[in-house]
């Protein structure tokens, strides 16, 4: 079980938890009681999809040989710890569990979530799977922004209210930007090796300098848009506590850190996303409806 746990890449899970926290907390400003069952189901869907993506990427990259020489978290297939068929089954099972949780949520809210969920699962598999994975063509960040930012945050709010608001859209942007920051750092770390094996991530297409500039821009976008909470409650000022993380990440990226030296920055980016979501959730929870 230890290897399956590590293969699920637990450090990536804040990217699934953070938008659900915000989408659920937003219901407080509407004066509506939180439906905790729906919130739990939304969180379950998010976590299972994140784990399923990690397993399916492990499988797809492993059988292509693009993970054979790589730093970072453990790779089950490339390291030989698990057979490709085992990892593929684990991915499919996790997707199925996510679909089941999503179905239960849709039955409690709206059939629209079935369509959204189906699209999300297909997009997750096609990221590195299939004949023409879009993650190998530089579109990974676009998908992450959409599904782990917009869809996850607004979907969690929709699961509570059955509607979409401008607040849920605005606060989905920093979640998407921070998820893309994590992916951007990951791809920056792997850029030289990805280029050698023909994996044309956005970092490969942009080159080192522009890839670093994009990460800094994403961090700035996340910071600016997270402060849109100020239009809801002045308690948003507690987000100033994220500034040390922002400065550390920007300094590290601009310093030219590469390879394994980027791994601590990846951890900090995950912490920043979780901290941002917790502070926004706290501000919204304390705001008067």
C-alpha atoms as a PDB file:
ATOM      1  CA  UNK A   1       0.000   0.000   0.000  1.00  0.00           C
ATOM      2  CA  UNK A   2       2.926   2.311   0.642  1.00  0.00           C
ATOM      3  CA  UNK A   3       3.802   2.471  -3.072  1.00  0.00           C
ATOM      4  CA  UNK A   4       0.180   3.020  -4.090  1.00  0.00           C
ATOM      5  CA  UNK A   5      -0.015   5.895  -1.603  1.00  0.00           C
ATOM      6  CA  UNK A   6       3.178   7.471  -2.950  1.00  0.00           C
ATOM      7  CA  UNK A   7       2.045   6.850  -6.536  1.00  0.00           C
ATOM      8  CA  UNK A   8      -1.129   8.815  -5.802  1.00  0.00           C
ATOM      9  CA  UNK A   9       1.186  11.811  -5.218  1.00  0.00           C
ATOM     10  CA  UNK A  10      -0.384  13.133  -2.007  1.00  0.00           C
ATOM     11  CA  UNK A  11       1.380  16.487  -2.357  1.00  0.00           C
ATOM     12  CA  UNK A  12      -0.856  17.268  -5.349  1.00  0.00           C
ATOM     13  CA  UNK A  13      -4.083  16.764  -3.381  1.00  0.00           C
ATOM     14  CA  UNK A  14      -4.344  20.372  -2.125  1.00  0.00           C
ATOM     15  CA  UNK A  15      -5.131  21.265  -5.745  1.00  0.00           C
ATOM     16  CA  UNK A  16      -8.317  19.198  -5.379  1.00  0.00           C
ATOM     17  CA  UNK A  17      -9.200  20.291  -1.844  1.00  0.00           C
ATOM     18  CA  UNK A  18      -8.676  24.054  -2.216  1.00  0.00           C
ATOM     19  CA  UNK A  19     -11.398  24.897  -4.789  1.00  0.00           C
ATOM     20  CA  UNK A  20     -13.990  22.795  -2.956  1.00  0.00           C
ATOM     21  CA  UNK A  21     -13.325  24.709   0.260  1.00  0.00           C
ATOM     22  CA  UNK A  22     -13.872  28.046  -1.470  1.00  0.00           C
ATOM     23  CA  UNK A  23     -16.887  26.975  -3.510  1.00  0.00           C
ATOM     24  CA  UNK A  24     -18.555  25.630  -0.386  1.00  0.00           C
ATOM     25  CA  UNK A  25     -17.671  28.604   1.829  1.00  0.00           C
ATOM     26  CA  UNK A  26     -19.140  31.023  -0.716  1.00  0.00           C
ATOM     27  CA  UNK A  27     -22.596  29.778   0.191  1.00  0.00           C
ATOM     28  CA  UNK A  28     -22.290  31.630   3.505  1.00  0.00           C
ATOM     29  CA  UNK A  29     -22.664  35.036   1.851  1.00  0.00           C
ATOM     30  CA  UNK A  30     -25.944  33.875   0.266  1.00  0.00           C
ATOM     31  CA  UNK A  31     -27.484  33.208   3.660  1.00  0.00           C
ATOM     32  CA  UNK A  32     -28.019  29.547   2.772  1.00  0.00           C
ATOM     33  CA  UNK A  33     -27.109  26.668   5.049  1.00  0.00           C
ATOM     34  CA  UNK A  34     -24.294  24.498   3.751  1.00  0.00           C
ATOM     35  CA  UNK A  35     -25.364  21.047   2.609  1.00  0.00           C
ATOM     36  CA  UNK A  36     -22.565  19.007   4.145  1.00  0.00           C
ATOM     37  CA  UNK A  37     -23.425  15.842   2.215  1.00  0.00           C
ATOM     38  CA  UNK A  38     -23.093  17.684  -1.085  1.00  0.00           C
ATOM     39  CA  UNK A  39     -19.889  19.304   0.133  1.00  0.00           C
ATOM     40  CA  UNK A  40     -18.443  15.908   1.064  1.00  0.00           C
ATOM     41  CA  UNK A  41     -19.452  14.438  -2.288  1.00  0.00           C
ATOM     42  CA  UNK A  42     -17.856  17.364  -4.156  1.00  0.00           C
ATOM     43  CA  UNK A  43     -14.658  16.913  -2.159  1.00  0.00           C
ATOM     44  CA  UNK A  44     -14.691  13.161  -2.830  1.00  0.00           C
ATOM     45  CA  UNK A  45     -15.058  13.734  -6.566  1.00  0.00           C
ATOM     46  CA  UNK A  46     -12.201  16.231  -6.583  1.00  0.00           C
ATOM     47  CA  UNK A  47      -9.815  14.031  -4.608  1.00  0.00           C
ATOM     48  CA  UNK A  48     -10.597  10.884  -6.576  1.00  0.00           C
ATOM     49  CA  UNK A  49     -10.172  12.680  -9.905  1.00  0.00           C
ATOM     50  CA  UNK A  50      -6.804  14.056  -8.796  1.00  0.00           C
ATOM     51  CA  UNK A  51      -5.615  10.605  -7.720  1.00  0.00           C
ATOM     52  CA  UNK A  52      -6.975   9.034 -10.908  1.00  0.00           C
ATOM     53  CA  UNK A  53      -5.131  11.615 -13.030  1.00  0.00           C
ATOM     54  CA  UNK A  54      -1.909  10.836 -11.186  1.00  0.00           C
ATOM     55  CA  UNK A  55      -2.293   7.096 -11.742  1.00  0.00           C
ATOM     56  CA  UNK A  56      -3.276   7.460 -15.398  1.00  0.00           C
ATOM     57  CA  UNK A  57      -0.353   9.824 -16.060  1.00  0.00           C
ATOM     58  CA  UNK A  58       1.975   7.355 -14.341  1.00  0.00           C
ATOM     59  CA  UNK A  59       0.658   4.596 -16.594  1.00  0.00           C
ATOM     60  CA  UNK A  60       0.657   6.543 -19.870  1.00  0.00           C
ATOM     61  CA  UNK A  61       4.054   8.188 -19.354  1.00  0.00           C
ATOM     62  CA  UNK A  62       5.465   4.885 -18.121  1.00  0.00           C
ATOM     63  CA  UNK A  63       4.533   2.846 -21.174  1.00  0.00           C
ATOM     64  CA  UNK A  64       5.820   5.624 -23.443  1.00  0.00           C
ATOM     65  CA  UNK A  65       9.148   5.641 -21.645  1.00  0.00           C
ATOM     66  CA  UNK A  66       9.022   9.356 -20.874  1.00  0.00           C
ATOM     67  CA  UNK A  67       9.390   8.766 -17.122  1.00  0.00           C
ATOM     68  CA  UNK A  68      12.451   6.535 -17.197  1.00  0.00           C
ATOM     69  CA  UNK A  69      14.920   9.215 -16.084  1.00  0.00           C
ATOM     70  CA  UNK A  70      13.132  11.818 -14.031  1.00  0.00           C
ATOM     71  CA  UNK A  71      13.384  13.590 -10.707  1.00  0.00           C
ATOM     72  CA  UNK A  72      10.467  14.197  -8.386  1.00  0.00           C
ATOM     73  CA  UNK A  73       7.785  11.895  -6.959  1.00  0.00           C
ATOM     74  CA  UNK A  74       7.888   8.129  -7.367  1.00  0.00           C
ATOM     75  CA  UNK A  75       6.746   6.664 -10.692  1.00  0.00           C
ATOM     76  CA  UNK A  76       5.166   3.252 -10.274  1.00  0.00           C
ATOM     77  CA  UNK A  77       5.528   2.023 -13.863  1.00  0.00           C
ATOM     78  CA  UNK A  78       8.846   3.628 -14.799  1.00  0.00           C
ATOM     79  CA  UNK A  79      10.497   2.429 -11.579  1.00  0.00           C
ATOM     80  CA  UNK A  80       9.189  -1.094 -12.037  1.00  0.00           C
ATOM     81  CA  UNK A  81       7.392  -1.063  -8.686  1.00  0.00           C
ATOM     82  CA  UNK A  82       4.069  -1.943 -10.320  1.00  0.00           C
ATOM     83  CA  UNK A  83       3.144  -3.490 -13.654  1.00  0.00           C
ATOM     84  CA  UNK A  84       1.559  -1.148 -16.214  1.00  0.00           C
ATOM     85  CA  UNK A  85      -1.640  -3.217 -16.180  1.00  0.00           C
ATOM     86  CA  UNK A  86      -1.918  -2.808 -12.405  1.00  0.00           C
ATOM     87  CA  UNK A  87      -1.540   0.962 -12.569  1.00  0.00           C
ATOM     88  CA  UNK A  88      -4.019   1.185 -15.439  1.00  0.00           C
ATOM     89  CA  UNK A  89      -6.583  -0.803 -13.423  1.00  0.00           C
ATOM     90  CA  UNK A  90      -5.981   1.441 -10.409  1.00  0.00           C
ATOM     91  CA  UNK A  91      -6.615   4.506 -12.576  1.00  0.00           C
ATOM     92  CA  UNK A  92      -9.796   3.070 -14.075  1.00  0.00           C
ATOM     93  CA  UNK A  93     -11.091   2.008 -10.653  1.00  0.00           C
ATOM     94  CA  UNK A  94     -10.435   5.467  -9.216  1.00  0.00           C
ATOM     95  CA  UNK A  95     -12.139   7.142 -12.169  1.00  0.00           C
ATOM     96  CA  UNK A  96     -15.120   4.818 -11.634  1.00  0.00           C
ATOM     97  CA  UNK A  97     -15.347   5.741  -7.960  1.00  0.00           C
ATOM     98  CA  UNK A  98     -15.146   9.431  -8.875  1.00  0.00           C
ATOM     99  CA  UNK A  99     -17.947   8.902 -11.412  1.00  0.00           C
ATOM    100  CA  UNK A 100     -20.078   7.155  -8.785  1.00  0.00           C
ATOM    101  CA  UNK A 101     -19.607   9.997  -6.295  1.00  0.00           C
ATOM    102  CA  UNK A 102     -20.356  12.481  -9.079  1.00  0.00           C
ATOM    103  CA  UNK A 103     -23.516  10.586 -10.018  1.00  0.00           C
ATOM    104  CA  UNK A 104     -24.750  10.709  -6.435  1.00  0.00           C
ATOM    105  CA  UNK A 105     -24.017  14.435  -6.329  1.00  0.00           C
ATOM    106  CA  UNK A 106     -25.843  15.042  -9.611  1.00  0.00           C
ATOM    107  CA  UNK A 107     -28.903  13.127  -8.378  1.00  0.00           C
ATOM    108  CA  UNK A 108     -28.972  15.451  -5.382  1.00  0.00           C
ATOM    109  CA  UNK A 109     -28.470  18.613  -7.452  1.00  0.00           C
ATOM    110  CA  UNK A 110     -28.613  18.714 -11.255  1.00  0.00           C
ATOM    111  CA  UNK A 111     -28.153  16.262 -14.177  1.00  0.00           C
ATOM    112  CA  UNK A 112     -25.860  18.903 -15.694  1.00  0.00           C
ATOM    113  CA  UNK A 113     -23.106  17.673 -13.391  1.00  0.00           C
ATOM    114  CA  UNK A 114     -23.180  14.286 -15.137  1.00  0.00           C
ATOM    115  CA  UNK A 115     -22.140  15.939 -18.403  1.00  0.00           C
ATOM    116  CA  UNK A 116     -19.500  18.077 -16.707  1.00  0.00           C
ATOM    117  CA  UNK A 117     -18.126  15.050 -14.881  1.00  0.00           C
ATOM    118  CA  UNK A 118     -17.955  12.944 -18.030  1.00  0.00           C
ATOM    119  CA  UNK A 119     -16.045  15.684 -19.857  1.00  0.00           C
ATOM    120  CA  UNK A 120     -13.663  16.025 -16.911  1.00  0.00           C
ATOM    121  CA  UNK A 121     -12.879  12.288 -16.883  1.00  0.00           C
ATOM    122  CA  UNK A 122     -12.248  12.186 -20.635  1.00  0.00           C
ATOM    123  CA  UNK A 123     -10.032  15.270 -20.384  1.00  0.00           C
ATOM    124  CA  UNK A 124      -8.120  13.732 -17.469  1.00  0.00           C
ATOM    125  CA  UNK A 125      -7.385  10.523 -19.372  1.00  0.00           C
ATOM    126  CA  UNK A 126      -6.484  12.296 -22.605  1.00  0.00           C
ATOM    127  CA  UNK A 127      -3.955  14.499 -20.801  1.00  0.00           C
ATOM    128  CA  UNK A 128      -1.236  11.892 -21.312  1.00  0.00           C
ATOM    129  CA  UNK A 129      -3.282   8.940 -22.588  1.00  0.00           C
ATOM    130  CA  UNK A 130      -4.435   7.916 -26.040  1.00  0.00           C
ATOM    131  CA  UNK A 131      -2.786   8.429 -29.408  1.00  0.00           C
ATOM    132  CA  UNK A 132      -2.578  12.213 -29.258  1.00  0.00           C
ATOM    133  CA  UNK A 133      -2.313  13.321 -25.615  1.00  0.00           C
ATOM    134  CA  UNK A 134      -2.759  17.070 -25.379  1.00  0.00           C
ATOM    135  CA  UNK A 135      -0.358  17.227 -22.436  1.00  0.00           C
ATOM    136  CA  UNK A 136       2.378  16.388 -24.925  1.00  0.00           C
ATOM    137  CA  UNK A 137       1.390  19.366 -27.059  1.00  0.00           C
ATOM    138  CA  UNK A 138       1.508  22.146 -24.493  1.00  0.00           C
ATOM    139  CA  UNK A 139      -2.158  22.360 -23.528  1.00  0.00           C
ATOM    140  CA  UNK A 140      -1.872  20.922 -20.026  1.00  0.00           C
ATOM    141  CA  UNK A 141      -2.059  24.287 -18.295  1.00  0.00           C
ATOM    142  CA  UNK A 142      -5.252  25.193 -20.154  1.00  0.00           C
ATOM    143  CA  UNK A 143      -6.941  21.984 -19.014  1.00  0.00           C
ATOM    144  CA  UNK A 144      -5.755  22.378 -15.420  1.00  0.00           C
ATOM    145  CA  UNK A 145      -6.992  25.981 -15.280  1.00  0.00           C
ATOM    146  CA  UNK A 146     -10.414  24.935 -16.560  1.00  0.00           C
ATOM    147  CA  UNK A 147     -10.997  21.791 -14.516  1.00  0.00           C
ATOM    148  CA  UNK A 148      -9.042  22.402 -11.297  1.00  0.00           C
ATOM    149  CA  UNK A 149      -9.891  26.078 -11.244  1.00  0.00           C
ATOM    150  CA  UNK A 150     -13.139  27.076 -12.930  1.00  0.00           C
ATOM    151  CA  UNK A 151     -15.034  23.779 -12.876  1.00  0.00           C
ATOM    152  CA  UNK A 152     -13.930  22.668  -9.398  1.00  0.00           C
ATOM    153  CA  UNK A 153     -14.645  25.993  -7.683  1.00  0.00           C
ATOM    154  CA  UNK A 154     -17.827  26.964  -9.499  1.00  0.00           C
ATOM    155  CA  UNK A 155     -18.997  23.350  -9.476  1.00  0.00           C
ATOM    156  CA  UNK A 156     -18.631  23.145  -5.694  1.00  0.00           C
ATOM    157  CA  UNK A 157     -20.638  26.353  -5.357  1.00  0.00           C
ATOM    158  CA  UNK A 158     -23.226  25.053  -7.820  1.00  0.00           C
ATOM    159  CA  UNK A 159     -23.566  21.852  -5.765  1.00  0.00           C
ATOM    160  CA  UNK A 160     -24.763  24.041  -2.878  1.00  0.00           C
ATOM    161  CA  UNK A 161     -26.813  26.686  -4.671  1.00  0.00           C
ATOM    162  CA  UNK A 162     -27.686  25.258  -8.122  1.00  0.00           C
ATOM    163  CA  UNK A 163     -26.485  28.498  -9.678  1.00  0.00           C
ATOM    164  CA  UNK A 164     -23.290  30.297 -10.712  1.00  0.00           C
ATOM    165  CA  UNK A 165     -22.279  33.702  -9.351  1.00  0.00           C
ATOM    166  CA  UNK A 166     -19.653  36.274 -10.270  1.00  0.00           C
ATOM    167  CA  UNK A 167     -18.005  35.612  -6.923  1.00  0.00           C
ATOM    168  CA  UNK A 168     -17.555  31.915  -7.695  1.00  0.00           C
ATOM    169  CA  UNK A 169     -16.055  32.811 -11.069  1.00  0.00           C
ATOM    170  CA  UNK A 170     -13.636  35.389  -9.673  1.00  0.00           C
ATOM    171  CA  UNK A 171     -12.406  33.084  -6.916  1.00  0.00           C
ATOM    172  CA  UNK A 172     -12.045  30.223  -9.365  1.00  0.00           C
ATOM    173  CA  UNK A 173      -9.322  32.212 -11.145  1.00  0.00           C
ATOM    174  CA  UNK A 174      -6.710  32.141  -8.338  1.00  0.00           C
ATOM    175  CA  UNK A 175      -7.365  28.420  -7.825  1.00  0.00           C
ATOM    176  CA  UNK A 176      -6.791  27.775 -11.514  1.00  0.00           C
ATOM    177  CA  UNK A 177      -3.725  30.019 -11.590  1.00  0.00           C
ATOM    178  CA  UNK A 178      -2.144  28.303  -8.582  1.00  0.00           C
ATOM    179  CA  UNK A 179      -2.859  24.837  -9.986  1.00  0.00           C
ATOM    180  CA  UNK A 180      -1.175  25.956 -13.204  1.00  0.00           C
ATOM    181  CA  UNK A 181       1.749  27.280 -11.155  1.00  0.00           C
ATOM    182  CA  UNK A 182       2.272  23.808  -9.694  1.00  0.00           C
ATOM    183  CA  UNK A 183       2.085  22.217 -13.134  1.00  0.00           C
ATOM    184  CA  UNK A 184       4.354  24.916 -14.569  1.00  0.00           C
ATOM    185  CA  UNK A 185       7.006  24.257 -11.914  1.00  0.00           C
ATOM    186  CA  UNK A 186       6.729  20.529 -12.537  1.00  0.00           C
ATOM    187  CA  UNK A 187       7.163  21.008 -16.280  1.00  0.00           C
ATOM    188  CA  UNK A 188      10.020  23.478 -15.764  1.00  0.00           C
ATOM    189  CA  UNK A 189      11.799  20.881 -13.632  1.00  0.00           C
ATOM    190  CA  UNK A 190      11.321  18.217 -16.304  1.00  0.00           C
ATOM    191  CA  UNK A 191      11.829  20.487 -19.321  1.00  0.00           C
ATOM    192  CA  UNK A 192      15.285  19.229 -20.478  1.00  0.00           C
ATOM    193  CA  UNK A 193      14.268  15.563 -20.263  1.00  0.00           C
ATOM    194  CA  UNK A 194      10.830  16.181 -21.774  1.00  0.00           C
ATOM    195  CA  UNK A 195      12.474  17.910 -24.718  1.00  0.00           C
ATOM    196  CA  UNK A 196      14.713  14.899 -25.299  1.00  0.00           C
ATOM    197  CA  UNK A 197      11.785  12.445 -25.431  1.00  0.00           C
ATOM    198  CA  UNK A 198       9.571  14.691 -27.562  1.00  0.00           C
ATOM    199  CA  UNK A 199       7.127  15.674 -24.814  1.00  0.00           C
ATOM    200  CA  UNK A 200       6.326  19.231 -25.894  1.00  0.00           C
ATOM    201  CA  UNK A 201       4.926  20.692 -22.705  1.00  0.00           C
ATOM    202  CA  UNK A 202       4.331  24.426 -22.550  1.00  0.00           C
ATOM    203  CA  UNK A 203       7.685  24.799 -20.769  1.00  0.00           C
ATOM    204  CA  UNK A 204       9.402  23.054 -23.679  1.00  0.00           C
ATOM    205  CA  UNK A 205       7.586  25.190 -26.242  1.00  0.00           C
ATOM    206  CA  UNK A 206       8.284  28.464 -24.450  1.00  0.00           C
ATOM    207  CA  UNK A 207      11.854  27.744 -23.417  1.00  0.00           C
ATOM    208  CA  UNK A 208      13.387  28.237 -19.988  1.00  0.00           C
ATOM    209  CA  UNK A 209      13.196  32.032 -19.651  1.00  0.00           C
ATOM    210  CA  UNK A 210       9.619  32.444 -20.897  1.00  0.00           C
ATOM    211  CA  UNK A 211       8.430  29.442 -18.870  1.00  0.00           C
ATOM    212  CA  UNK A 212       9.768  31.123 -15.733  1.00  0.00           C
ATOM    213  CA  UNK A 213       8.090  34.383 -16.742  1.00  0.00           C
ATOM    214  CA  UNK A 214       4.775  32.563 -17.141  1.00  0.00           C
ATOM    215  CA  UNK A 215       5.030  31.080 -13.627  1.00  0.00           C
ATOM    216  CA  UNK A 216       5.685  34.528 -12.147  1.00  0.00           C
ATOM    217  CA  UNK A 217       2.699  35.899 -14.100  1.00  0.00           C
ATOM    218  CA  UNK A 218       0.472  33.090 -12.802  1.00  0.00           C
ATOM    219  CA  UNK A 219       1.500  33.852  -9.231  1.00  0.00           C
ATOM    220  CA  UNK A 220       0.713  37.534  -9.755  1.00  0.00           C
ATOM    221  CA  UNK A 221      -2.670  36.673 -11.282  1.00  0.00           C
ATOM    222  CA  UNK A 222      -3.490  34.410  -8.338  1.00  0.00           C
ATOM    223  CA  UNK A 223      -2.570  37.094  -5.819  1.00  0.00           C
ATOM    224  CA  UNK A 224      -4.515  39.881  -7.527  1.00  0.00           C
ATOM    225  CA  UNK A 225      -7.680  37.865  -8.159  1.00  0.00           C
ATOM    226  CA  UNK A 226      -7.708  36.312  -4.689  1.00  0.00           C
ATOM    227  CA  UNK A 227      -8.105  39.820  -3.316  1.00  0.00           C
ATOM    228  CA  UNK A 228     -11.443  40.084  -5.142  1.00  0.00           C
ATOM    229  CA  UNK A 229     -12.789  38.762  -1.821  1.00  0.00           C
ATOM    230  CA  UNK A 230     -12.351  42.347  -0.603  1.00  0.00           C
ATOM    231  CA  UNK A 231     -15.570  43.180  -2.500  1.00  0.00           C
ATOM    232  CA  UNK A 232     -17.343  40.677  -0.252  1.00  0.00           C
ATOM    233  CA  UNK A 233     -15.659  41.297   3.080  1.00  0.00           C
ATOM    234  CA  UNK A 234     -12.753  43.421   4.377  1.00  0.00           C
ATOM    235  CA  UNK A 235     -11.530  40.285   6.142  1.00  0.00           C
ATOM    236  CA  UNK A 236      -9.870  39.481   2.824  1.00  0.00           C
ATOM    237  CA  UNK A 237      -6.890  41.444   4.127  1.00  0.00           C
ATOM    238  CA  UNK A 238      -5.787  38.278   5.920  1.00  0.00           C
ATOM    239  CA  UNK A 239      -4.587  37.145   2.489  1.00  0.00           C
ATOM    240  CA  UNK A 240      -1.567  39.369   3.063  1.00  0.00           C
ATOM    241  CA  UNK A 241      -0.263  36.360   4.976  1.00  0.00           C
ATOM    242  CA  UNK A 242       0.376  34.661   1.626  1.00  0.00           C
ATOM    243  CA  UNK A 243       2.913  37.283   0.537  1.00  0.00           C
ATOM    244  CA  UNK A 244       5.957  35.498   2.042  1.00  0.00           C
ATOM    245  CA  UNK A 245       5.083  32.410   0.005  1.00  0.00           C
ATOM    246  CA  UNK A 246       4.677  34.522  -3.123  1.00  0.00           C
ATOM    247  CA  UNK A 247       8.053  36.202  -2.635  1.00  0.00           C
ATOM    248  CA  UNK A 248       9.803  32.889  -1.929  1.00  0.00           C
ATOM    249  CA  UNK A 249       8.394  31.313  -5.072  1.00  0.00           C
ATOM    250  CA  UNK A 250       9.099  34.277  -7.322  1.00  0.00           C
ATOM    251  CA  UNK A 251      12.640  34.581  -5.976  1.00  0.00           C
ATOM    252  CA  UNK A 252      13.252  30.867  -6.466  1.00  0.00           C
ATOM    253  CA  UNK A 253      11.910  30.844 -10.022  1.00  0.00           C
ATOM    254  CA  UNK A 254      13.809  33.965 -11.032  1.00  0.00           C
ATOM    255  CA  UNK A 255      17.036  32.666  -9.463  1.00  0.00           C
ATOM    256  CA  UNK A 256      17.337  30.040 -12.177  1.00  0.00           C
ATOM    257  CA  UNK A 257      16.755  27.019  -9.928  1.00  0.00           C
ATOM    258  CA  UNK A 258      16.362  23.874 -12.017  1.00  0.00           C
ATOM    259  CA  UNK A 259      16.014  20.115 -11.723  1.00  0.00           C
ATOM    260  CA  UNK A 260      15.760  18.795  -8.177  1.00  0.00           C
ATOM    261  CA  UNK A 261      16.263  22.337  -6.826  1.00  0.00           C
ATOM    262  CA  UNK A 262      12.692  23.077  -7.963  1.00  0.00           C
ATOM    263  CA  UNK A 263      11.167  20.323  -5.811  1.00  0.00           C
ATOM    264  CA  UNK A 264      11.039  22.484  -2.639  1.00  0.00           C
ATOM    265  CA  UNK A 265       9.344  25.214  -4.693  1.00  0.00           C
ATOM    266  CA  UNK A 266       6.719  22.713  -5.807  1.00  0.00           C
ATOM    267  CA  UNK A 267       5.997  21.968  -2.166  1.00  0.00           C
ATOM    268  CA  UNK A 268       5.750  25.679  -1.390  1.00  0.00           C
ATOM    269  CA  UNK A 269       3.363  26.196  -4.306  1.00  0.00           C
ATOM    270  CA  UNK A 270       1.090  23.471  -2.965  1.00  0.00           C
ATOM    271  CA  UNK A 271       1.226  25.065   0.481  1.00  0.00           C
ATOM    272  CA  UNK A 272       0.433  28.465  -1.020  1.00  0.00           C
ATOM    273  CA  UNK A 273      -2.656  27.130  -2.762  1.00  0.00           C
ATOM    274  CA  UNK A 274      -3.926  25.431   0.378  1.00  0.00           C
ATOM    275  CA  UNK A 275      -3.167  28.488   2.554  1.00  0.00           C
ATOM    276  CA  UNK A 276      -4.887  30.810   0.067  1.00  0.00           C
ATOM    277  CA  UNK A 277      -7.997  28.639   0.025  1.00  0.00           C
ATOM    278  CA  UNK A 278      -8.061  28.331   3.834  1.00  0.00           C
ATOM    279  CA  UNK A 279      -7.760  32.097   4.317  1.00  0.00           C
ATOM    280  CA  UNK A 280     -10.445  32.824   1.721  1.00  0.00           C
ATOM    281  CA  UNK A 281     -12.660  30.175   3.330  1.00  0.00           C
ATOM    282  CA  UNK A 282     -12.120  31.746   6.747  1.00  0.00           C
ATOM    283  CA  UNK A 283     -12.914  35.243   5.465  1.00  0.00           C
ATOM    284  CA  UNK A 284     -16.093  34.028   3.751  1.00  0.00           C
ATOM    285  CA  UNK A 285     -17.177  31.956   6.741  1.00  0.00           C
ATOM    286  CA  UNK A 286     -16.907  34.976   9.036  1.00  0.00           C
ATOM    287  CA  UNK A 287     -18.597  37.357   6.604  1.00  0.00           C
ATOM    288  CA  UNK A 288     -22.198  38.261   7.383  1.00  0.00           C
ATOM    289  CA  UNK A 289     -24.752  37.163   4.812  1.00  0.00           C
END
